[in-house]
Amino acid sequence: MTPYELAKLIHMELSPIAPRLSAAINRALVDIGEGSALVGLGPGTHENDNVSFQESETINAKASEAEGALAKIHEMMWKLEEHSSWNVIIDKKPGNRGKPIELLYTLVRMKGAL
């Protein structure tokens, strides 16, 4: 699966649930990409350079929908990790039932293991 196909699939699945995560993954896959084999490019653009950035999002979901939304997010993260060198670390702010879910995403491209 190409990065463009993967970005399109993830966008279709995640944009209704987590639009900021969908946009961040699109940036990771399409704008930043997997890196180039060429030498002498700027920092973060070589294929062996580690790259990371963060995005945050508040998801307004009912308690019954929240678990389904998080499950869909994790399903798409497995797809991302399976077809690219990008990983997403998801931090969930502890909250009460009935409150919006606050998430912090850290997108990381590492050629080695996390």
PDB file of N, CA and C in Angstrom:
ATOM      1  N   MET A   1       0.846  -1.166   0.000  1.00  0.00           N
ATOM      2  CA  MET A   1       0.000   0.000   0.000  1.00  0.00           C
ATOM      3  C   MET A   1       0.900   1.240   0.000  1.00  0.00           C
ATOM      4  N   THR A   2       0.632   2.159  -0.918  1.00  0.00           N
ATOM      5  CA  THR A   2       1.431   3.384  -1.004  1.00  0.00           C
ATOM      6  C   THR A   2       1.039   4.345   0.126  1.00  0.00           C
ATOM      7  N   PRO A   3       1.914   5.310   0.430  1.00  0.00           N
ATOM      8  CA  PRO A   3       1.557   6.285   1.462  1.00  0.00           C
ATOM      9  C   PRO A   3       0.276   7.053   1.124  1.00  0.00           C
ATOM     10  N   TYR A   4       0.050   7.328  -0.143  1.00  0.00           N
ATOM     11  CA  TYR A   4      -1.155   8.062  -0.547  1.00  0.00           C
ATOM     12  C   TYR A   4      -2.412   7.224  -0.334  1.00  0.00           C
ATOM     13  N   GLU A   5      -2.342   5.939  -0.673  1.00  0.00           N
ATOM     14  CA  GLU A   5      -3.482   5.045  -0.445  1.00  0.00           C
ATOM     15  C   GLU A   5      -3.761   4.897   1.045  1.00  0.00           C
ATOM     16  N   LEU A   6      -2.702   4.765   1.828  1.00  0.00           N
ATOM     17  CA  LEU A   6      -2.852   4.638   3.271  1.00  0.00           C
ATOM     18  C   LEU A   6      -3.442   5.915   3.868  1.00  0.00           C
ATOM     19  N   ALA A   7      -2.957   7.070   3.427  1.00  0.00           N
ATOM     20  CA  ALA A   7      -3.483   8.348   3.916  1.00  0.00           C
ATOM     21  C   ALA A   7      -4.964   8.488   3.569  1.00  0.00           C
ATOM     22  N   LYS A   8      -5.338   8.072   2.375  1.00  0.00           N
ATOM     23  CA  LYS A   8      -6.738   8.155   1.953  1.00  0.00           C
ATOM     24  C   LYS A   8      -7.617   7.234   2.795  1.00  0.00           C
ATOM     25  N   LEU A   9      -7.164   6.000   3.024  1.00  0.00           N
ATOM     26  CA  LEU A   9      -7.917   5.040   3.837  1.00  0.00           C
ATOM     27  C   LEU A   9      -8.101   5.571   5.258  1.00  0.00           C
ATOM     28  N   ILE A  10      -7.021   6.048   5.855  1.00  0.00           N
ATOM     29  CA  ILE A  10      -7.089   6.544   7.226  1.00  0.00           C
ATOM     30  C   ILE A  10      -7.970   7.786   7.300  1.00  0.00           C
ATOM     31  N   HIS A  11      -7.875   8.652   6.291  1.00  0.00           N
ATOM     32  CA  HIS A  11      -8.730   9.842   6.280  1.00  0.00           C
ATOM     33  C   HIS A  11     -10.210   9.460   6.220  1.00  0.00           C
ATOM     34  N   MET A  12     -10.550   8.510   5.373  1.00  0.00           N
ATOM     35  CA  MET A  12     -11.951   8.081   5.251  1.00  0.00           C
ATOM     36  C   MET A  12     -12.470   7.510   6.566  1.00  0.00           C
ATOM     37  N   GLU A  13     -11.641   6.777   7.274  1.00  0.00           N
ATOM     38  CA  GLU A  13     -12.059   6.124   8.512  1.00  0.00           C
ATOM     39  C   GLU A  13     -12.034   7.059   9.724  1.00  0.00           C
ATOM     40  N   LEU A  14     -11.033   7.939   9.788  1.00  0.00           N
ATOM     41  CA  LEU A  14     -10.838   8.736  11.003  1.00  0.00           C
ATOM     42  C   LEU A  14     -11.398  10.148  10.964  1.00  0.00           C
ATOM     43  N   SER A  15     -11.543  10.736   9.790  1.00  0.00           N
ATOM     44  CA  SER A  15     -11.957  12.145   9.751  1.00  0.00           C
ATOM     45  C   SER A  15     -13.302  12.405  10.425  1.00  0.00           C
ATOM     46  N   PRO A  16     -14.288  11.483  10.374  1.00  0.00           N
ATOM     47  CA  PRO A  16     -15.525  11.764  11.120  1.00  0.00           C
ATOM     48  C   PRO A  16     -15.353  11.675  12.640  1.00  0.00           C
ATOM     49  N   ILE A  17     -14.374  10.900  13.096  1.00  0.00           N
ATOM     50  CA  ILE A  17     -14.177  10.662  14.529  1.00  0.00           C
ATOM     51  C   ILE A  17     -13.117  11.595  15.108  1.00  0.00           C
ATOM     52  N   ALA A  18     -11.965  11.640  14.458  1.00  0.00           N
ATOM     53  CA  ALA A  18     -10.803  12.389  14.958  1.00  0.00           C
ATOM     54  C   ALA A  18     -10.162  13.151  13.797  1.00  0.00           C
ATOM     55  N   PRO A  19     -10.749  14.281  13.391  1.00  0.00           N
ATOM     56  CA  PRO A  19     -10.237  14.998  12.219  1.00  0.00           C
ATOM     57  C   PRO A  19      -8.811  15.535  12.370  1.00  0.00           C
ATOM     58  N   ARG A  20      -8.418  15.931  13.558  1.00  0.00           N
ATOM     59  CA  ARG A  20      -7.049  16.444  13.736  1.00  0.00           C
ATOM     60  C   ARG A  20      -6.019  15.331  13.640  1.00  0.00           C
ATOM     61  N   LEU A  21      -6.352  14.151  14.138  1.00  0.00           N
ATOM     62  CA  LEU A  21      -5.458  13.005  13.989  1.00  0.00           C
ATOM     63  C   LEU A  21      -5.353  12.625  12.522  1.00  0.00           C
ATOM     64  N   SER A  22      -6.463  12.619  11.820  1.00  0.00           N
ATOM     65  CA  SER A  22      -6.464  12.312  10.396  1.00  0.00           C
ATOM     66  C   SER A  22      -5.560  13.282   9.627  1.00  0.00           C
ATOM     67  N   ALA A  23      -5.661  14.567   9.932  1.00  0.00           N
ATOM     68  CA  ALA A  23      -4.826  15.578   9.276  1.00  0.00           C
ATOM     69  C   ALA A  23      -3.348  15.396   9.630  1.00  0.00           C
ATOM     70  N   ALA A  24      -3.068  15.052  10.878  1.00  0.00           N
ATOM     71  CA  ALA A  24      -1.677  14.844  11.303  1.00  0.00           C
ATOM     72  C   ALA A  24      -1.073  13.639  10.596  1.00  0.00           C
ATOM     73  N   ILE A  25      -1.844  12.580  10.435  1.00  0.00           N
ATOM     74  CA  ILE A  25      -1.340  11.395   9.740  1.00  0.00           C
ATOM     75  C   ILE A  25      -1.127  11.708   8.269  1.00  0.00           C
ATOM     76  N   ASN A  26      -2.026  12.504   7.681  1.00  0.00           N
ATOM     77  CA  ASN A  26      -1.839  12.916   6.292  1.00  0.00           C
ATOM     78  C   ASN A  26      -0.534  13.703   6.148  1.00  0.00           C
ATOM     79  N   ARG A  27      -0.265  14.595   7.089  1.00  0.00           N
ATOM     80  CA  ARG A  27       0.988  15.356   7.077  1.00  0.00           C
ATOM     81  C   ARG A  27       2.186  14.417   7.178  1.00  0.00           C
ATOM     82  N   ALA A  28       2.090  13.443   8.086  1.00  0.00           N
ATOM     83  CA  ALA A  28       3.193  12.508   8.282  1.00  0.00           C
ATOM     84  C   ALA A  28       3.460  11.685   7.019  1.00  0.00           C
ATOM     85  N   LEU A  29       2.404  11.144   6.421  1.00  0.00           N
ATOM     86  CA  LEU A  29       2.574  10.254   5.280  1.00  0.00           C
ATOM     87  C   LEU A  29       2.877  10.980   3.976  1.00  0.00           C
ATOM     88  N   VAL A  30       2.215  12.109   3.748  1.00  0.00           N
ATOM     89  CA  VAL A  30       2.323  12.776   2.454  1.00  0.00           C
ATOM     90  C   VAL A  30       3.345  13.908   2.471  1.00  0.00           C
ATOM     91  N   ASP A  31       3.284  14.790   3.454  1.00  0.00           N
ATOM     92  CA  ASP A  31       4.194  15.942   3.473  1.00  0.00           C
ATOM     93  C   ASP A  31       5.600  15.560   3.923  1.00  0.00           C
ATOM     94  N   ILE A  32       5.699  14.853   5.044  1.00  0.00           N
ATOM     95  CA  ILE A  32       7.021  14.480   5.570  1.00  0.00           C
ATOM     96  C   ILE A  32       7.485  13.182   4.923  1.00  0.00           C
ATOM     97  N   GLY A  33       6.613  12.184   4.864  1.00  0.00           N
ATOM     98  CA  GLY A  33       6.910  10.925   4.182  1.00  0.00           C
ATOM     99  C   GLY A  33       7.873  10.028   4.916  1.00  0.00           C
ATOM    100  N   GLU A  34       8.450   9.136   4.146  1.00  0.00           N
ATOM    101  CA  GLU A  34       9.388   8.154   4.687  1.00  0.00           C
ATOM    102  C   GLU A  34      10.828   8.641   4.640  1.00  0.00           C
ATOM    103  N   GLY A  35      11.066   9.794   4.059  1.00  0.00           N
ATOM    104  CA  GLY A  35      12.417  10.330   3.950  1.00  0.00           C
ATOM    105  C   GLY A  35      13.078   9.918   2.655  1.00  0.00           C
ATOM    106  N   SER A  36      14.095  10.643   2.286  1.00  0.00           N
ATOM    107  CA  SER A  36      14.794  10.413   1.031  1.00  0.00           C
ATOM    108  C   SER A  36      16.131   9.727   1.276  1.00  0.00           C
ATOM    109  N   ALA A  37      16.558   8.943   0.303  1.00  0.00           N
ATOM    110  CA  ALA A  37      17.864   8.293   0.395  1.00  0.00           C
ATOM    111  C   ALA A  37      18.980   9.268   0.033  1.00  0.00           C
ATOM    112  N   LEU A  38      18.630  10.436  -0.501  1.00  0.00           N
ATOM    113  CA  LEU A  38      19.630  11.423  -0.885  1.00  0.00           C
ATOM    114  C   LEU A  38      20.298  12.021   0.354  1.00  0.00           C
ATOM    115  N   VAL A  39      21.566  12.345   0.222  1.00  0.00           N
ATOM    116  CA  VAL A  39      22.339  12.924   1.320  1.00  0.00           C
ATOM    117  C   VAL A  39      22.411  14.433   1.110  1.00  0.00           C
ATOM    118  N   GLY A  40      22.471  15.195   2.188  1.00  0.00           N
ATOM    119  CA  GLY A  40      22.650  16.631   2.100  1.00  0.00           C
ATOM    120  C   GLY A  40      21.356  17.420   2.159  1.00  0.00           C
ATOM    121  N   LEU A  41      20.246  16.744   2.376  1.00  0.00           N
ATOM    122  CA  LEU A  41      18.983  17.447   2.525  1.00  0.00           C
ATOM    123  C   LEU A  41      18.885  17.975   3.954  1.00  0.00           C
ATOM    124  N   GLY A  42      17.890  18.775   4.219  1.00  0.00           N
ATOM    125  CA  GLY A  42      17.730  19.372   5.542  1.00  0.00           C
ATOM    126  C   GLY A  42      17.467  18.347   6.631  1.00  0.00           C
ATOM    127  N   PRO A  43      17.549  18.764   7.889  1.00  0.00           N
ATOM    128  CA  PRO A  43      17.312  17.855   9.010  1.00  0.00           C
ATOM    129  C   PRO A  43      15.909  17.244   8.944  1.00  0.00           C
ATOM    130  N   GLY A  44      15.833  15.956   9.191  1.00  0.00           N
ATOM    131  CA  GLY A  44      14.554  15.258   9.203  1.00  0.00           C
ATOM    132  C   GLY A  44      14.096  14.765   7.852  1.00  0.00           C
ATOM    133  N   THR A  45      14.830  15.082   6.808  1.00  0.00           N
ATOM    134  CA  THR A  45      14.392  14.677   5.470  1.00  0.00           C
ATOM    135  C   THR A  45      15.107  13.438   4.942  1.00  0.00           C
ATOM    136  N   HIS A  46      16.179  13.010   5.594  1.00  0.00           N
ATOM    137  CA  HIS A  46      16.847  11.775   5.184  1.00  0.00           C
ATOM    138  C   HIS A  46      16.074  10.592   5.744  1.00  0.00           C
ATOM    139  N   GLU A  47      16.087   9.470   5.044  1.00  0.00           N
ATOM    140  CA  GLU A  47      15.294   8.309   5.453  1.00  0.00           C
ATOM    141  C   GLU A  47      15.677   7.748   6.821  1.00  0.00           C
ATOM    142  N   ASN A  48      16.887   7.998   7.292  1.00  0.00           N
ATOM    143  CA  ASN A  48      17.307   7.479   8.598  1.00  0.00           C
ATOM    144  C   ASN A  48      17.138   8.502   9.720  1.00  0.00           C
ATOM    145  N   ASP A  49      16.633   9.684   9.395  1.00  0.00           N
ATOM    146  CA  ASP A  49      16.407  10.705  10.418  1.00  0.00           C
ATOM    147  C   ASP A  49      15.141  10.387  11.203  1.00  0.00           C
ATOM    148  N   ASN A  50      15.233  10.534  12.510  1.00  0.00           N
ATOM    149  CA  ASN A  50      14.045  10.397  13.346  1.00  0.00           C
ATOM    150  C   ASN A  50      13.282  11.717  13.323  1.00  0.00           C
ATOM    151  N   VAL A  51      11.973  11.632  13.196  1.00  0.00           N
ATOM    152  CA  VAL A  51      11.118  12.813  13.124  1.00  0.00           C
ATOM    153  C   VAL A  51       9.953  12.610  14.068  1.00  0.00           C
ATOM    154  N   SER A  52       9.533  13.673  14.758  1.00  0.00           N
ATOM    155  CA  SER A  52       8.343  13.575  15.595  1.00  0.00           C
ATOM    156  C   SER A  52       7.651  14.927  15.658  1.00  0.00           C
ATOM    157  N   PHE A  53       6.350  14.885  15.865  1.00  0.00           N
ATOM    158  CA  PHE A  53       5.568  16.086  16.119  1.00  0.00           C
ATOM    159  C   PHE A  53       4.319  15.690  16.877  1.00  0.00           C
ATOM    160  N   GLN A  54       3.655  16.694  17.464  1.00  0.00           N
ATOM    161  CA  GLN A  54       2.484  16.422  18.300  1.00  0.00           C
ATOM    162  C   GLN A  54       1.254  17.156  17.785  1.00  0.00           C
ATOM    163  N   GLU A  55       0.124  16.593  18.118  1.00  0.00           N
ATOM    164  CA  GLU A  55      -1.185  17.185  17.823  1.00  0.00           C
ATOM    165  C   GLU A  55      -2.103  16.825  18.971  1.00  0.00           C
ATOM    166  N   SER A  56      -3.027  17.712  19.306  1.00  0.00           N
ATOM    167  CA  SER A  56      -3.989  17.406  20.370  1.00  0.00           C
ATOM    168  C   SER A  56      -5.397  17.574  19.828  1.00  0.00           C
ATOM    169  N   GLU A  57      -6.328  16.931  20.500  1.00  0.00           N
ATOM    170  CA  GLU A  57      -7.701  16.935  20.012  1.00  0.00           C
ATOM    171  C   GLU A  57      -8.650  16.629  21.154  1.00  0.00           C
ATOM    172  N   THR A  58      -9.812  17.228  21.082  1.00  0.00           N
ATOM    173  CA  THR A  58     -10.891  16.933  22.008  1.00  0.00           C
ATOM    174  C   THR A  58     -12.007  16.284  21.210  1.00  0.00           C
ATOM    175  N   ILE A  59     -12.413  15.098  21.632  1.00  0.00           N
ATOM    176  CA  ILE A  59     -13.469  14.367  20.945  1.00  0.00           C
ATOM    177  C   ILE A  59     -14.724  14.412  21.796  1.00  0.00           C
ATOM    178  N   ASN A  60     -15.762  14.988  21.234  1.00  0.00           N
ATOM    179  CA  ASN A  60     -17.042  15.059  21.924  1.00  0.00           C
ATOM    180  C   ASN A  60     -17.860  13.835  21.542  1.00  0.00           C
ATOM    181  N   ALA A  61     -17.805  12.829  22.365  1.00  0.00           N
ATOM    182  CA  ALA A  61     -18.554  11.597  22.111  1.00  0.00           C
ATOM    183  C   ALA A  61     -19.290  11.203  23.381  1.00  0.00           C
ATOM    184  N   LYS A  62     -20.442  10.625  23.187  1.00  0.00           N
ATOM    185  CA  LYS A  62     -21.185  10.095  24.327  1.00  0.00           C
ATOM    186  C   LYS A  62     -20.397   8.933  24.914  1.00  0.00           C
ATOM    187  N   ALA A  63     -20.656   8.617  26.148  1.00  0.00           N
ATOM    188  CA  ALA A  63     -19.928   7.531  26.817  1.00  0.00           C
ATOM    189  C   ALA A  63     -20.047   6.225  26.039  1.00  0.00           C
ATOM    190  N   SER A  64     -21.216   5.967  25.472  1.00  0.00           N
ATOM    191  CA  SER A  64     -21.415   4.720  24.729  1.00  0.00           C
ATOM    192  C   SER A  64     -20.631   4.713  23.419  1.00  0.00           C
ATOM    193  N   GLU A  65     -20.358   5.904  22.852  1.00  0.00           N
ATOM    194  CA  GLU A  65     -19.639   5.995  21.582  1.00  0.00           C
ATOM    195  C   GLU A  65     -18.138   6.134  21.769  1.00  0.00           C
ATOM    196  N   ALA A  66     -17.703   6.525  22.945  1.00  0.00           N
ATOM    197  CA  ALA A  66     -16.294   6.818  23.182  1.00  0.00           C
ATOM    198  C   ALA A  66     -15.410   5.588  22.978  1.00  0.00           C
ATOM    199  N   GLU A  67     -15.834   4.450  23.502  1.00  0.00           N
ATOM    200  CA  GLU A  67     -15.025   3.240  23.353  1.00  0.00           C
ATOM    201  C   GLU A  67     -14.918   2.826  21.895  1.00  0.00           C
ATOM    202  N   GLY A  68     -16.009   2.963  21.136  1.00  0.00           N
ATOM    203  CA  GLY A  68     -15.979   2.647  19.709  1.00  0.00           C
ATOM    204  C   GLY A  68     -15.054   3.572  18.945  1.00  0.00           C
ATOM    205  N   ALA A  69     -15.055   4.858  19.306  1.00  0.00           N
ATOM    206  CA  ALA A  69     -14.174   5.825  18.656  1.00  0.00           C
ATOM    207  C   ALA A  69     -12.710   5.484  18.934  1.00  0.00           C
ATOM    208  N   LEU A  70     -12.395   5.175  20.183  1.00  0.00           N
ATOM    209  CA  LEU A  70     -11.018   4.812  20.525  1.00  0.00           C
ATOM    210  C   LEU A  70     -10.603   3.508  19.855  1.00  0.00           C
ATOM    211  N   ALA A  71     -11.513   2.561  19.740  1.00  0.00           N
ATOM    212  CA  ALA A  71     -11.209   1.299  19.063  1.00  0.00           C
ATOM    213  C   ALA A  71     -10.898   1.543  17.593  1.00  0.00           C
ATOM    214  N   LYS A  72     -11.656   2.412  16.938  1.00  0.00           N
ATOM    215  CA  LYS A  72     -11.421   2.728  15.523  1.00  0.00           C
ATOM    216  C   LYS A  72     -10.082   3.431  15.359  1.00  0.00           C
ATOM    217  N   ILE A  73      -9.755   4.335  16.282  1.00  0.00           N
ATOM    218  CA  ILE A  73      -8.465   5.020  16.225  1.00  0.00           C
ATOM    219  C   ILE A  73      -7.330   4.005  16.331  1.00  0.00           C
ATOM    220  N   HIS A  74      -7.422   3.082  17.285  1.00  0.00           N
ATOM    221  CA  HIS A  74      -6.365   2.079  17.459  1.00  0.00           C
ATOM    222  C   HIS A  74      -6.275   1.142  16.250  1.00  0.00           C
ATOM    223  N   GLU A  75      -7.401   0.799  15.660  1.00  0.00           N
ATOM    224  CA  GLU A  75      -7.396  -0.041  14.459  1.00  0.00           C
ATOM    225  C   GLU A  75      -6.615   0.635  13.329  1.00  0.00           C
ATOM    226  N   MET A  76      -6.845   1.935  13.145  1.00  0.00           N
ATOM    227  CA  MET A  76      -6.138   2.660  12.086  1.00  0.00           C
ATOM    228  C   MET A  76      -4.658   2.842  12.420  1.00  0.00           C
ATOM    229  N   MET A  77      -4.317   2.919  13.711  1.00  0.00           N
ATOM    230  CA  MET A  77      -2.909   3.035  14.084  1.00  0.00           C
ATOM    231  C   MET A  77      -2.156   1.746  13.757  1.00  0.00           C
ATOM    232  N   TRP A  78      -2.839   0.600  13.910  1.00  0.00           N
ATOM    233  CA  TRP A  78      -2.207  -0.670  13.529  1.00  0.00           C
ATOM    234  C   TRP A  78      -1.949  -0.702  12.028  1.00  0.00           C
ATOM    235  N   LYS A  79      -2.895  -0.190  11.228  1.00  0.00           N
ATOM    236  CA  LYS A  79      -2.707  -0.111   9.776  1.00  0.00           C
ATOM    237  C   LYS A  79      -1.511   0.779   9.452  1.00  0.00           C
ATOM    238  N   LEU A  80      -1.427   1.919  10.131  1.00  0.00           N
ATOM    239  CA  LEU A  80      -0.332   2.851   9.899  1.00  0.00           C
ATOM    240  C   LEU A  80       1.011   2.194  10.204  1.00  0.00           C
ATOM    241  N   GLU A  81       1.097   1.526  11.342  1.00  0.00           N
ATOM    242  CA  GLU A  81       2.356   0.890  11.738  1.00  0.00           C
ATOM    243  C   GLU A  81       2.715  -0.282  10.830  1.00  0.00           C
ATOM    244  N   GLU A  82       1.708  -0.942  10.307  1.00  0.00           N
ATOM    245  CA  GLU A  82       1.933  -2.092   9.427  1.00  0.00           C
ATOM    246  C   GLU A  82       2.475  -1.663   8.063  1.00  0.00           C
ATOM    247  N   HIS A  83       2.055  -0.490   7.570  1.00  0.00           N
ATOM    248  CA  HIS A  83       2.386  -0.077   6.207  1.00  0.00           C
ATOM    249  C   HIS A  83       3.328   1.116   6.116  1.00  0.00           C
ATOM    250  N   SER A  84       3.880   1.573   7.242  1.00  0.00           N
ATOM    251  CA  SER A  84       4.823   2.695   7.197  1.00  0.00           C
ATOM    252  C   SER A  84       5.770   2.596   8.391  1.00  0.00           C
ATOM    253  N   SER A  85       6.705   3.528   8.440  1.00  0.00           N
ATOM    254  CA  SER A  85       7.623   3.558   9.591  1.00  0.00           C
ATOM    255  C   SER A  85       7.139   4.543  10.653  1.00  0.00           C
ATOM    256  N   TRP A  86       5.921   5.049  10.511  1.00  0.00           N
ATOM    257  CA  TRP A  86       5.334   5.979  11.482  1.00  0.00           C
ATOM    258  C   TRP A  86       4.607   5.224  12.587  1.00  0.00           C
ATOM    259  N   ASN A  87       4.728   5.736  13.795  1.00  0.00           N
ATOM    260  CA  ASN A  87       3.995   5.236  14.961  1.00  0.00           C
ATOM    261  C   ASN A  87       3.296   6.411  15.624  1.00  0.00           C
ATOM    262  N   VAL A  88       2.184   6.125  16.278  1.00  0.00           N
ATOM    263  CA  VAL A  88       1.460   7.165  17.002  1.00  0.00           C
ATOM    264  C   VAL A  88       1.333   6.739  18.454  1.00  0.00           C
ATOM    265  N   ILE A  89       1.770   7.612  19.337  1.00  0.00           N
ATOM    266  CA  ILE A  89       1.610   7.391  20.772  1.00  0.00           C
ATOM    267  C   ILE A  89       0.418   8.243  21.186  1.00  0.00           C
ATOM    268  N   ILE A  90      -0.561   7.617  21.785  1.00  0.00           N
ATOM    269  CA  ILE A  90      -1.788   8.315  22.160  1.00  0.00           C
ATOM    270  C   ILE A  90      -1.856   8.417  23.673  1.00  0.00           C
ATOM    271  N   ASP A  91      -1.918   9.649  24.165  1.00  0.00           N
ATOM    272  CA  ASP A  91      -2.096   9.901  25.595  1.00  0.00           C
ATOM    273  C   ASP A  91      -3.505  10.429  25.804  1.00  0.00           C
ATOM    274  N   LYS A  92      -4.223   9.790  26.712  1.00  0.00           N
ATOM    275  CA  LYS A  92      -5.593  10.194  27.011  1.00  0.00           C
ATOM    276  C   LYS A  92      -5.609  10.854  28.379  1.00  0.00           C
ATOM    277  N   LYS A  93      -6.148  12.056  28.414  1.00  0.00           N
ATOM    278  CA  LYS A  93      -6.252  12.761  29.689  1.00  0.00           C
ATOM    279  C   LYS A  93      -7.346  12.104  30.508  1.00  0.00           C
ATOM    280  N   PRO A  94      -7.058  11.795  31.744  1.00  0.00           N
ATOM    281  CA  PRO A  94      -8.099  11.194  32.582  1.00  0.00           C
ATOM    282  C   PRO A  94      -9.276  12.153  32.707  1.00  0.00           C
ATOM    283  N   GLY A  95     -10.455  11.622  32.614  1.00  0.00           N
ATOM    284  CA  GLY A  95     -11.636  12.462  32.706  1.00  0.00           C
ATOM    285  C   GLY A  95     -12.803  11.691  33.279  1.00  0.00           C
ATOM    286  N   ASN A  96     -13.856  12.389  33.478  1.00  0.00           N
ATOM    287  CA  ASN A  96     -15.069  11.783  34.018  1.00  0.00           C
ATOM    288  C   ASN A  96     -15.981  11.359  32.879  1.00  0.00           C
ATOM    289  N   ARG A  97     -16.854  10.439  33.181  1.00  0.00           N
ATOM    290  CA  ARG A  97     -17.840  10.020  32.193  1.00  0.00           C
ATOM    291  C   ARG A  97     -18.720  11.209  31.830  1.00  0.00           C
ATOM    292  N   GLY A  98     -19.048  11.286  30.552  1.00  0.00           N
ATOM    293  CA  GLY A  98     -19.885  12.374  30.088  1.00  0.00           C
ATOM    294  C   GLY A  98     -19.094  13.608  29.662  1.00  0.00           C
ATOM    295  N   LYS A  99     -17.815  13.641  29.968  1.00  0.00           N
ATOM    296  CA  LYS A  99     -16.957  14.760  29.570  1.00  0.00           C
ATOM    297  C   LYS A  99     -16.308  14.417  28.229  1.00  0.00           C
ATOM    298  N   PRO A 100     -15.907  15.432  27.458  1.00  0.00           N
ATOM    299  CA  PRO A 100     -15.200  15.157  26.202  1.00  0.00           C
ATOM    300  C   PRO A 100     -13.878  14.431  26.464  1.00  0.00           C
ATOM    301  N   ILE A 101     -13.470  13.631  25.501  1.00  0.00           N
ATOM    302  CA  ILE A 101     -12.199  12.903  25.598  1.00  0.00           C
ATOM    303  C   ILE A 101     -11.097  13.821  25.082  1.00  0.00           C
ATOM    304  N   GLU A 102     -10.075  14.044  25.882  1.00  0.00           N
ATOM    305  CA  GLU A 102      -8.944  14.862  25.463  1.00  0.00           C
ATOM    306  C   GLU A 102      -7.771  13.944  25.166  1.00  0.00           C
ATOM    307  N   LEU A 103      -7.260  14.037  23.920  1.00  0.00           N
ATOM    308  CA  LEU A 103      -6.178  13.170  23.469  1.00  0.00           C
ATOM    309  C   LEU A 103      -4.990  14.000  23.003  1.00  0.00           C
ATOM    310  N   LEU A 104      -3.801  13.496  23.266  1.00  0.00           N
ATOM    311  CA  LEU A 104      -2.569  14.075  22.755  1.00  0.00           C
ATOM    312  C   LEU A 104      -1.899  12.998  21.913  1.00  0.00           C
ATOM    313  N   TYR A 105      -1.631  13.321  20.665  1.00  0.00           N
ATOM    314  CA  TYR A 105      -0.988  12.374  19.744  1.00  0.00           C
ATOM    315  C   TYR A 105       0.448  12.798  19.527  1.00  0.00           C
ATOM    316  N   THR A 106       1.360  11.859  19.610  1.00  0.00           N
ATOM    317  CA  THR A 106       2.748  12.089  19.245  1.00  0.00           C
ATOM    318  C   THR A 106       3.054  11.173  18.078  1.00  0.00           C
ATOM    319  N   LEU A 107       3.315  11.740  16.911  1.00  0.00           N
ATOM    320  CA  LEU A 107       3.633  10.968  15.721  1.00  0.00           C
ATOM    321  C   LEU A 107       5.137  10.896  15.599  1.00  0.00           C
ATOM    322  N   VAL A 108       5.657   9.694  15.431  1.00  0.00           N
ATOM    323  CA  VAL A 108       7.095   9.453  15.446  1.00  0.00           C
ATOM    324  C   VAL A 108       7.467   8.591  14.256  1.00  0.00           C
ATOM    325  N   ARG A 109       8.504   9.020  13.513  1.00  0.00           N
ATOM    326  CA  ARG A 109       9.072   8.184  12.452  1.00  0.00           C
ATOM    327  C   ARG A 109      10.465   7.789  12.902  1.00  0.00           C
ATOM    328  N   MET A 110      10.594   6.508  13.215  1.00  0.00           N
ATOM    329  CA  MET A 110      11.892   5.970  13.634  1.00  0.00           C
ATOM    330  C   MET A 110      12.163   4.723  12.824  1.00  0.00           C
ATOM    331  N   LYS A 111      13.368   4.582  12.340  1.00  0.00           N
ATOM    332  CA  LYS A 111      13.716   3.390  11.580  1.00  0.00           C
ATOM    333  C   LYS A 111      13.976   2.211  12.510  1.00  0.00           C
ATOM    334  N   GLY A 112      14.304   2.494  13.764  1.00  0.00           N
ATOM    335  CA  GLY A 112      14.488   1.439  14.755  1.00  0.00           C
ATOM    336  C   GLY A 112      13.220   1.265  15.553  1.00  0.00           C
ATOM    337  N   ALA A 113      13.237   0.391  16.516  1.00  0.00           N
ATOM    338  CA  ALA A 113      12.058   0.160  17.363  1.00  0.00           C
ATOM    339  C   ALA A 113      11.900   1.279  18.373  1.00  0.00           C
ATOM    340  N   LEU A 114      10.649   1.490  18.803  1.00  0.00           N
ATOM    341  CA  LEU A 114      10.377   2.501  19.838  1.00  0.00           C
ATOM    342  C   LEU A 114      10.849   2.013  21.187  1.00  0.00           C
TER     343      LEU A 114
END
